[in-house]
Amino acid sequence: RSNIVCFNVNERHRPSRAVKLMDAPPMDTEFLKTGWMEKSGKADTKWKGGSIRRRWFVSTGYVVQYFERPPDVANNKARTARGGFDLRSVTHINPSNDYTAPQQAFDVVVTLDEGKSMRTFTVCPPTAEREGWLRLWVSIAKQSSISSDFEDYRDPEALHKMQQAIEPHAGRN
């Protein structure tokens, strides 16, 4: 179990109630990833000249959340999630369509409000960590949402293994 503290985020990407991951079902570390990434701040602006923020990302199972900074685990201080998304709501993962974004940036497009609207997250992990983020998210998201540029990152068994890890704990909350 993890000592990382994070928060649930509702469909509109605003923080709701606090949850410690140690209260969540045990998660194999291959489905838990944390680290810094830059992300575009506004959907309607270009990377260059736009509102780019450095955020601490926590991806556990289907849930991806981002924070201004990592939790203070030593002092058991939680952080408020600035936003997030569910990998089950991803409609596209592809190299960034923004020509001003760094080469290693990629877009994650998610549906919101039961399919009534969409939001694009342009994220840019450090080059050394890009493959790990892509391998995780591409393996969990629907296969139809994955760009052909990223097909090689997909592990067809990963989603099945994650579902098996979560399923015995599905009724516990």
Protein backbone atom coordinates (compact mmCIF):
# COMPACT_ATOMS: atom_id res chain seq x y z
CA ARG A 1 0.00 0.00 0.00
CA SER A 2 1.10 3.51 -0.70
CA ASN A 3 1.55 6.38 1.73
CA ILE A 4 0.89 8.94 -0.99
CA VAL A 5 -2.00 11.24 -0.19
CA CYS A 6 -4.24 12.39 -3.01
CA PHE A 7 -7.77 13.56 -3.63
CA ASN A 8 -10.76 12.47 -5.66
CA VAL A 9 -11.60 14.85 -8.47
CA ASN A 10 -15.10 15.19 -9.88
CA GLU A 11 -15.88 15.31 -13.62
CA ARG A 12 -15.32 19.05 -13.74
CA HIS A 13 -11.75 18.64 -12.43
CA ARG A 14 -12.38 20.30 -9.09
CA PRO A 15 -11.23 18.65 -5.89
CA SER A 16 -13.83 16.83 -3.84
CA ARG A 17 -13.27 14.76 -0.70
CA ALA A 18 -9.83 13.73 0.49
CA VAL A 19 -8.76 10.10 0.14
CA LYS A 20 -5.48 8.52 1.13
CA LEU A 21 -4.25 6.03 -1.40
CA MET A 22 -3.41 3.73 1.49
CA ASP A 23 -7.21 3.43 1.91
CA ALA A 24 -7.55 2.48 -1.76
CA PRO A 25 -7.18 -1.09 -2.98
CA PRO A 26 -3.57 -2.30 -3.07
CA MET A 27 -2.14 -1.36 -6.45
CA ASP A 28 0.75 -3.06 -8.18
CA THR A 29 3.48 -0.47 -8.62
CA GLU A 30 3.32 -0.91 -12.38
CA PHE A 31 -0.06 0.91 -12.22
CA LEU A 32 1.14 3.67 -9.88
CA LYS A 33 3.31 6.46 -11.25
CA THR A 34 4.20 9.86 -9.86
CA GLY A 35 6.34 12.67 -11.16
CA TRP A 36 6.67 16.18 -12.48
CA MET A 37 5.27 17.16 -15.86
CA GLU A 38 4.49 20.44 -17.53
CA LYS A 39 0.95 20.91 -18.80
CA SER A 40 -0.82 23.58 -20.75
CA GLY A 41 -2.98 25.76 -18.54
CA LYS A 42 -5.70 26.64 -21.01
CA ALA A 43 -7.23 24.57 -23.77
CA ASP A 44 -7.51 27.53 -26.12
CA THR A 45 -3.90 28.75 -26.01
CA LYS A 46 -0.71 27.56 -27.68
CA TRP A 47 2.16 26.14 -25.65
CA LYS A 48 4.47 28.99 -26.58
CA GLY A 49 3.13 32.12 -24.96
CA GLY A 50 0.44 30.14 -23.13
CA SER A 51 -0.13 29.33 -19.51
CA ILE A 52 2.26 26.42 -18.88
CA ARG A 53 2.35 24.99 -15.38
CA ARG A 54 4.70 22.49 -13.79
CA ARG A 55 2.54 19.98 -11.90
CA TRP A 56 3.08 16.87 -9.79
CA PHE A 57 1.12 14.05 -11.44
CA VAL A 58 -0.19 10.98 -9.64
CA SER A 59 -1.54 8.16 -11.79
CA THR A 60 -3.05 5.21 -9.98
CA GLY A 61 -5.19 2.73 -11.83
CA TYR A 62 -7.64 4.67 -13.99
CA VAL A 63 -7.28 7.94 -12.06
CA VAL A 64 -4.83 10.68 -13.04
CA GLN A 65 -4.54 13.74 -10.81
CA TYR A 66 -2.20 16.69 -10.72
CA PHE A 67 -1.09 18.93 -7.88
CA GLU A 68 0.95 22.11 -7.45
CA ARG A 69 3.52 20.06 -5.52
CA PRO A 70 3.96 16.55 -4.09
CA PRO A 71 2.30 15.59 -0.81
CA ASP A 72 4.33 16.09 2.35
CA VAL A 73 4.31 12.42 3.35
CA ALA A 74 6.74 12.94 6.25
CA ASN A 75 4.24 15.28 7.95
CA ASN A 76 1.14 13.50 6.57
CA LYS A 77 0.00 16.71 4.84
CA ALA A 78 -2.32 16.28 1.91
CA ARG A 79 -2.33 18.53 -1.12
CA THR A 80 -5.38 19.72 -3.00
CA ALA A 81 -5.66 18.33 -6.51
CA ARG A 82 -5.68 21.05 -9.15
CA GLY A 83 -7.38 18.72 -11.61
CA GLY A 84 -7.37 15.32 -13.18
CA PHE A 85 -9.10 12.85 -15.43
CA ASP A 86 -10.15 9.23 -15.68
CA LEU A 87 -8.28 7.12 -18.24
CA ARG A 88 -11.58 5.41 -19.11
CA SER A 89 -12.84 8.74 -20.49
CA VAL A 90 -9.86 9.22 -22.85
CA THR A 91 -10.86 9.51 -26.51
CA HIS A 92 -7.39 10.25 -27.93
CA ILE A 93 -3.76 10.02 -26.88
CA ASN A 94 -1.50 11.37 -29.59
CA PRO A 95 1.61 13.47 -30.20
CA SER A 96 0.73 17.08 -29.48
CA ASN A 97 -1.08 18.90 -32.27
CA ASP A 98 0.40 22.15 -30.95
CA TYR A 99 3.38 22.97 -33.15
CA THR A 100 4.76 25.27 -30.41
CA ALA A 101 4.88 22.46 -27.81
CA PRO A 102 8.13 20.58 -27.10
CA GLN A 103 8.72 17.49 -29.23
CA GLN A 104 8.13 15.08 -26.32
CA ALA A 105 4.72 16.64 -25.47
CA PHE A 106 1.55 14.68 -26.12
CA ASP A 107 -2.18 15.34 -25.99
CA VAL A 108 -4.70 13.46 -23.87
CA VAL A 109 -8.27 14.20 -24.94
CA VAL A 110 -11.02 13.26 -22.46
CA THR A 111 -14.80 13.45 -22.50
CA LEU A 112 -16.52 15.34 -19.69
CA ASP A 113 -20.09 15.74 -18.47
CA GLU A 114 -21.21 12.34 -19.78
CA GLY A 115 -19.87 13.05 -23.27
CA LYS A 116 -21.30 16.56 -23.63
CA SER A 117 -17.89 18.24 -23.80
CA MET A 118 -14.22 17.43 -24.27
CA ARG A 119 -10.95 18.72 -22.87
CA THR A 120 -7.43 18.36 -24.19
CA PHE A 121 -4.56 18.07 -21.73
CA THR A 122 -1.22 18.78 -23.40
CA VAL A 123 1.44 17.33 -21.13
CA CYS A 124 5.21 17.28 -21.39
CA PRO A 125 7.12 14.90 -19.13
CA PRO A 126 10.89 15.01 -18.83
CA THR A 127 12.38 13.14 -21.79
CA ALA A 128 13.69 10.33 -19.55
CA GLU A 129 10.20 9.71 -18.11
CA ARG A 130 8.10 10.07 -21.26
CA GLU A 131 8.15 6.38 -22.15
CA GLY A 132 6.99 5.36 -18.65
CA TRP A 133 4.02 7.72 -18.69
CA LEU A 134 3.03 6.70 -22.21
CA ARG A 135 3.43 2.99 -21.51
CA LEU A 136 1.13 3.26 -18.48
CA TRP A 137 -1.59 5.50 -19.94
CA VAL A 138 -1.63 3.88 -23.40
CA SER A 139 -1.93 0.43 -21.82
CA ILE A 140 -4.92 1.43 -19.66
CA ALA A 141 -6.84 3.68 -22.08
CA LYS A 142 -9.16 2.19 -24.72
CA GLN A 143 -7.18 0.81 -27.64
CA SER A 144 -9.29 2.81 -30.09
CA SER A 145 -8.10 6.06 -28.45
CA ILE A 146 -4.40 5.42 -29.10
CA SER A 147 -2.58 7.12 -31.95
CA SER A 148 -0.71 4.78 -34.28
CA ASP A 149 2.41 6.74 -33.23
CA PHE A 150 2.01 5.27 -29.73
CA GLU A 151 0.86 1.70 -30.49
CA ASP A 152 4.27 0.28 -29.58
CA TYR A 153 3.89 1.54 -26.00
CA ARG A 154 0.76 -0.54 -25.42
CA ASP A 155 0.98 -3.62 -23.20
CA PRO A 156 -2.14 -5.65 -24.04
CA GLU A 157 -1.94 -7.55 -20.74
CA ALA A 158 -1.57 -4.48 -18.49
CA LEU A 159 -5.26 -3.50 -18.43
CA HIS A 160 -6.30 -7.07 -17.66
CA LYS A 161 -3.75 -7.31 -14.81
CA MET A 162 -4.89 -3.98 -13.37
CA GLN A 163 -8.56 -4.99 -13.49
CA GLN A 164 -7.73 -8.21 -11.68
CA ALA A 165 -5.85 -6.25 -9.00
CA ILE A 166 -8.79 -3.87 -8.47
CA GLU A 167 -11.74 -6.28 -8.85
CA PRO A 168 -11.47 -8.09 -5.48
CA HIS A 169 -11.63 -4.66 -3.80
CA ALA A 170 -14.38 -3.11 -5.91
CA GLY A 171 -17.02 -3.29 -3.18
CA ARG A 172 -14.80 -1.77 -0.49
CA ASN A 173 -15.22 2.01 -0.04
